[in-house]
């Protein structure tokens, strides 16, 4: 589960960087990268939720 948290933090940083680039500079390609990172982050959060639930059952 520790690796999931580290990976999520890394993805969030990538999302944040790209989203800021889109908002501040109007960079359209950065917007696409931010959207992609958000989808990957969503999948990772679902994995984390499953792992967290399993860990709490033990």
Protein backbone atom coordinates (compact mmCIF):
# COMPACT_ATOMS: atom_id res chain seq x y z
CA UNK A 1 0.00 0.00 0.00
CA UNK A 2 2.97 2.29 0.59
CA UNK A 3 3.88 2.09 -3.09
CA UNK A 4 0.32 3.08 -4.04
CA UNK A 5 0.59 6.20 -1.88
CA UNK A 6 3.97 7.12 -3.36
CA UNK A 7 2.71 6.58 -6.90
CA UNK A 8 -0.41 8.66 -6.19
CA UNK A 9 1.70 11.50 -4.82
CA UNK A 10 3.90 11.40 -7.91
CA UNK A 11 0.90 11.42 -10.25
CA UNK A 12 -0.68 14.28 -8.34
CA UNK A 13 2.47 16.36 -8.68
CA UNK A 14 2.48 15.71 -12.43
CA UNK A 15 -1.20 16.64 -12.63
CA UNK A 16 -0.66 19.81 -10.61
CA UNK A 17 2.28 20.92 -12.79
CA UNK A 18 0.40 20.35 -16.05
CA UNK A 19 -2.85 21.90 -14.80
CA UNK A 20 -1.03 25.02 -13.63
CA UNK A 21 0.71 25.26 -16.99
CA UNK A 22 -2.63 25.13 -18.75
CA UNK A 23 -4.30 27.67 -16.49
CA UNK A 24 -1.43 30.16 -16.28
CA UNK A 25 0.01 29.88 -19.78
CA UNK A 26 -2.92 28.60 -21.82
CA UNK A 27 -0.89 25.56 -22.86
CA UNK A 28 -3.42 23.21 -24.52
CA UNK A 29 -1.05 20.22 -24.60
CA UNK A 30 -0.50 20.58 -20.86
CA UNK A 31 -4.28 20.38 -20.42
CA UNK A 32 -4.35 17.06 -22.24
CA UNK A 33 -1.52 15.74 -20.07
CA UNK A 34 -3.33 16.94 -16.94
CA UNK A 35 -6.52 15.15 -17.98
CA UNK A 36 -4.57 11.96 -18.64
CA UNK A 37 -2.89 12.20 -15.23
CA UNK A 38 -6.27 12.74 -13.56
CA UNK A 39 -7.63 9.54 -15.13
CA UNK A 40 -4.60 7.58 -13.97
CA UNK A 41 -4.96 9.10 -10.52
CA UNK A 42 -8.62 8.07 -10.41
CA UNK A 43 -7.69 4.45 -11.17
CA UNK A 44 -4.98 4.53 -8.54
CA UNK A 45 -7.38 5.91 -5.93
CA UNK A 46 -9.74 3.01 -6.60
CA UNK A 47 -6.86 0.57 -6.11
CA UNK A 48 -5.93 2.34 -2.88
CA UNK A 49 -9.50 2.12 -1.64
CA UNK A 50 -9.58 -1.64 -2.25
CA UNK A 51 -6.22 -2.15 -0.55
CA UNK A 52 -7.25 0.03 2.36
CA UNK A 53 -10.46 -1.91 2.87
CA UNK A 54 -8.58 -5.21 2.76
CA UNK A 55 -6.03 -3.95 5.27
CA UNK A 56 -8.76 -2.80 7.66
CA UNK A 57 -10.37 -6.26 7.60
CA UNK A 58 -7.21 -7.91 8.88
